[in-house]
C-alpha atoms as a PDB file:
ATOM      1  CA  UNK A   1      20.526  -8.307 -10.980  1.00  0.00           C
ATOM      2  CA  UNK A   2      18.361  -8.055  -7.613  1.00  0.00           C
ATOM      3  CA  UNK A   3      17.300  -4.513  -6.703  1.00  0.00           C
ATOM      4  CA  UNK A   4      18.796  -3.531  -3.189  1.00  0.00           C
ATOM      5  CA  UNK A   5      16.785  -2.343  -0.452  1.00  0.00           C
ATOM      6  CA  UNK A   6      18.492   1.335  -0.615  1.00  0.00           C
ATOM      7  CA  UNK A   7      17.039   1.251  -4.343  1.00  0.00           C
ATOM      8  CA  UNK A   8      13.615   0.165  -3.264  1.00  0.00           C
ATOM      9  CA  UNK A   9      13.381   2.776  -0.794  1.00  0.00           C
ATOM     10  CA  UNK A  10      14.473   5.458  -3.580  1.00  0.00           C
ATOM     11  CA  UNK A  11      11.821   4.247  -5.319  1.00  0.00           C
ATOM     12  CA  UNK A  12       9.497   4.701  -2.414  1.00  0.00           C
ATOM     13  CA  UNK A  13      10.773   8.227  -2.029  1.00  0.00           C
ATOM     14  CA  UNK A  14      10.373   9.248  -5.502  1.00  0.00           C
ATOM     15  CA  UNK A  15       6.823   7.817  -5.350  1.00  0.00           C
ATOM     16  CA  UNK A  16       6.239   9.737  -2.412  1.00  0.00           C
ATOM     17  CA  UNK A  17       7.119  12.891  -4.106  1.00  0.00           C
ATOM     18  CA  UNK A  18       5.240  12.079  -7.587  1.00  0.00           C
ATOM     19  CA  UNK A  19       1.971  10.967  -6.349  1.00  0.00           C
ATOM     20  CA  UNK A  20      -0.774  13.836  -6.317  1.00  0.00           C
ATOM     21  CA  UNK A  21      -2.092  14.883  -2.868  1.00  0.00           C
ATOM     22  CA  UNK A  22      -5.739  15.521  -1.862  1.00  0.00           C
ATOM     23  CA  UNK A  23      -7.057  18.511  -0.460  1.00  0.00           C
ATOM     24  CA  UNK A  24      -7.359  18.372   3.610  1.00  0.00           C
ATOM     25  CA  UNK A  25     -11.546  18.041   3.464  1.00  0.00           C
ATOM     26  CA  UNK A  26     -10.734  14.775   2.031  1.00  0.00           C
ATOM     27  CA  UNK A  27      -8.922  13.527   5.130  1.00  0.00           C
ATOM     28  CA  UNK A  28      -6.121  11.631   3.526  1.00  0.00           C
ATOM     29  CA  UNK A  29      -3.220  12.407   1.494  1.00  0.00           C
ATOM     30  CA  UNK A  30      -1.523   9.849  -0.726  1.00  0.00           C
ATOM     31  CA  UNK A  31       1.861  10.238   1.397  1.00  0.00           C
ATOM     32  CA  UNK A  32       0.190   9.040   4.024  1.00  0.00           C
ATOM     33  CA  UNK A  33      -0.665   5.904   2.076  1.00  0.00           C
ATOM     34  CA  UNK A  34       2.732   5.700   0.985  1.00  0.00           C
ATOM     35  CA  UNK A  35       4.069   6.158   4.592  1.00  0.00           C
ATOM     36  CA  UNK A  36       2.005   3.412   5.799  1.00  0.00           C
ATOM     37  CA  UNK A  37       2.754   0.972   3.181  1.00  0.00           C
ATOM     38  CA  UNK A  38       6.598   1.819   3.211  1.00  0.00           C
ATOM     39  CA  UNK A  39       7.542  -0.850   5.949  1.00  0.00           C
ATOM     40  CA  UNK A  40       5.716  -3.562   3.373  1.00  0.00           C
ATOM     41  CA  UNK A  41       8.515  -3.138   0.855  1.00  0.00           C
ATOM     42  CA  UNK A  42      10.088  -6.125   2.357  1.00  0.00           C
ATOM     43  CA  UNK A  43       7.383  -8.272   1.879  1.00  0.00           C
ATOM     44  CA  UNK A  44       6.045  -7.032  -1.542  1.00  0.00           C
ATOM     45  CA  UNK A  45       9.684  -7.741  -3.226  1.00  0.00           C
ATOM     46  CA  UNK A  46      10.009 -11.437  -1.593  1.00  0.00           C
ATOM     47  CA  UNK A  47      11.741 -10.587   1.457  1.00  0.00           C
ATOM     48  CA  UNK A  48       9.241 -12.697   3.278  1.00  0.00           C
ATOM     49  CA  UNK A  49       7.325 -13.700   0.078  1.00  0.00           C
ATOM     50  CA  UNK A  50       3.734 -14.431  -0.477  1.00  0.00           C
ATOM     51  CA  UNK A  51       3.769 -17.197   2.197  1.00  0.00           C
ATOM     52  CA  UNK A  52       5.790 -15.486   4.694  1.00  0.00           C
ATOM     53  CA  UNK A  53       4.832 -12.998   7.418  1.00  0.00           C
ATOM     54  CA  UNK A  54       4.902  -9.291   6.759  1.00  0.00           C
ATOM     55  CA  UNK A  55       7.010  -7.249   9.157  1.00  0.00           C
ATOM     56  CA  UNK A  56       4.789  -5.875  12.317  1.00  0.00           C
ATOM     57  CA  UNK A  57       5.248  -2.444  11.124  1.00  0.00           C
ATOM     58  CA  UNK A  58       3.805  -3.274   7.764  1.00  0.00           C
ATOM     59  CA  UNK A  59       1.077  -4.733   9.181  1.00  0.00           C
ATOM     60  CA  UNK A  60       0.549  -1.909  11.699  1.00  0.00           C
ATOM     61  CA  UNK A  61       0.311   0.632   8.441  1.00  0.00           C
ATOM     62  CA  UNK A  62      -2.107  -1.823   6.493  1.00  0.00           C
ATOM     63  CA  UNK A  63      -4.446  -1.972   9.673  1.00  0.00           C
ATOM     64  CA  UNK A  64      -4.148   1.994   9.660  1.00  0.00           C
ATOM     65  CA  UNK A  65      -5.094   2.027   5.991  1.00  0.00           C
ATOM     66  CA  UNK A  66      -7.825  -0.089   7.079  1.00  0.00           C
ATOM     67  CA  UNK A  67      -9.203   2.315   9.928  1.00  0.00           C
ATOM     68  CA  UNK A  68      -8.851   5.576   7.205  1.00  0.00           C
ATOM     69  CA  UNK A  69     -10.533   3.533   4.285  1.00  0.00           C
ATOM     70  CA  UNK A  70     -13.533   2.404   6.066  1.00  0.00           C
ATOM     71  CA  UNK A  71     -14.513   5.840   6.515  1.00  0.00           C
ATOM     72  CA  UNK A  72     -16.602   6.004   3.402  1.00  0.00           C
ATOM     73  CA  UNK A  73     -15.557   9.582   2.478  1.00  0.00           C
ATOM     74  CA  UNK A  74     -11.578   8.041   2.345  1.00  0.00           C
ATOM     75  CA  UNK A  75     -12.059   4.863   0.560  1.00  0.00           C
ATOM     76  CA  UNK A  76     -11.961   5.814  -2.994  1.00  0.00           C
ATOM     77  CA  UNK A  77      -8.893   8.044  -2.113  1.00  0.00           C
ATOM     78  CA  UNK A  78      -7.025   5.437  -0.215  1.00  0.00           C
ATOM     79  CA  UNK A  79      -7.980   3.076  -2.923  1.00  0.00           C
ATOM     80  CA  UNK A  80      -6.540   4.835  -6.045  1.00  0.00           C
ATOM     81  CA  UNK A  81      -3.192   5.989  -3.691  1.00  0.00           C
ATOM     82  CA  UNK A  82      -2.702   1.984  -3.090  1.00  0.00           C
ATOM     83  CA  UNK A  83      -3.161   1.472  -6.626  1.00  0.00           C
ATOM     84  CA  UNK A  84      -0.621   4.011  -7.440  1.00  0.00           C
ATOM     85  CA  UNK A  85       1.728   2.373  -5.136  1.00  0.00           C
ATOM     86  CA  UNK A  86       1.071  -1.018  -6.610  1.00  0.00           C
ATOM     87  CA  UNK A  87       1.630   0.127 -10.285  1.00  0.00           C
ATOM     88  CA  UNK A  88       4.752   1.960  -9.584  1.00  0.00           C
ATOM     89  CA  UNK A  89       6.224  -0.833  -7.817  1.00  0.00           C
ATOM     90  CA  UNK A  90       4.836  -3.528  -9.816  1.00  0.00           C
ATOM     91  CA  UNK A  91       3.827  -5.763  -7.267  1.00  0.00           C
ATOM     92  CA  UNK A  92       2.195  -8.995  -8.237  1.00  0.00           C
ATOM     93  CA  UNK A  93      -1.513  -9.866  -7.627  1.00  0.00           C
ATOM     94  CA  UNK A  94      -0.944 -12.759  -5.362  1.00  0.00           C
ATOM     95  CA  UNK A  95       1.512 -10.914  -3.080  1.00  0.00           C
ATOM     96  CA  UNK A  96      -0.788  -7.706  -2.769  1.00  0.00           C
ATOM     97  CA  UNK A  97      -3.918  -9.927  -1.876  1.00  0.00           C
ATOM     98  CA  UNK A  98      -1.879 -12.166   0.417  1.00  0.00           C
ATOM     99  CA  UNK A  99      -0.741  -8.872   2.723  1.00  0.00           C
ATOM    100  CA  UNK A 100      -4.189  -8.068   4.573  1.00  0.00           C
ATOM    101  CA  UNK A 101      -4.897 -11.935   5.073  1.00  0.00           C
ATOM    102  CA  UNK A 102      -1.263 -12.292   6.480  1.00  0.00           C
ATOM    103  CA  UNK A 103      -1.999  -9.417   8.682  1.00  0.00           C
ATOM    104  CA  UNK A 104      -5.463 -10.223   9.499  1.00  0.00           C
ATOM    105  CA  UNK A 105      -6.998  -7.070   7.998  1.00  0.00           C
ATOM    106  CA  UNK A 106      -9.758  -6.461   5.547  1.00  0.00           C
ATOM    107  CA  UNK A 107     -10.495  -3.568   3.426  1.00  0.00           C
ATOM    108  CA  UNK A 108     -13.278  -1.863   1.725  1.00  0.00           C
ATOM    109  CA  UNK A 109     -11.850  -2.768  -1.455  1.00  0.00           C
ATOM    110  CA  UNK A 110      -9.845  -5.151  -3.221  1.00  0.00           C
ATOM    111  CA  UNK A 111      -5.831  -5.245  -2.209  1.00  0.00           C
ATOM    112  CA  UNK A 112      -4.875  -5.792  -5.529  1.00  0.00           C
ATOM    113  CA  UNK A 113      -2.760  -3.873  -8.498  1.00  0.00           C
ATOM    114  CA  UNK A 114      -5.981  -4.486 -10.852  1.00  0.00           C
ATOM    115  CA  UNK A 115      -8.771  -3.019  -8.412  1.00  0.00           C
ATOM    116  CA  UNK A 116     -11.123  -0.832  -9.752  1.00  0.00           C
ATOM    117  CA  UNK A 117     -11.423   1.850  -7.104  1.00  0.00           C
ATOM    118  CA  UNK A 118     -14.981   3.021  -6.075  1.00  0.00           C
ATOM    119  CA  UNK A 119     -16.276   6.770  -6.936  1.00  0.00           C
END
């Protein structure tokens, strides 16, 4: 049985509540990362597939992550949060790596479930 969109949103909500948050001095919390990636669920789960075009809200979220992560103080935090999202949603490496390319965004770390985060 294929998971439904409401089911995926419930998983994201649970993930949002379960992820650790970081102090204000680090400028970013995992719930911000989850919020930025939430519109990408359709792309991650095959709604538009690896070769498809992600929703514009998804690309806007990834672009925001890129801007936040390019601040050296936030890179490791954003990377760890993204890695947690990938792990909890069981996203494939190919799908994860395709997303920044499809959105025309670069990140200071590999956008992959298997990434080794800096720091």
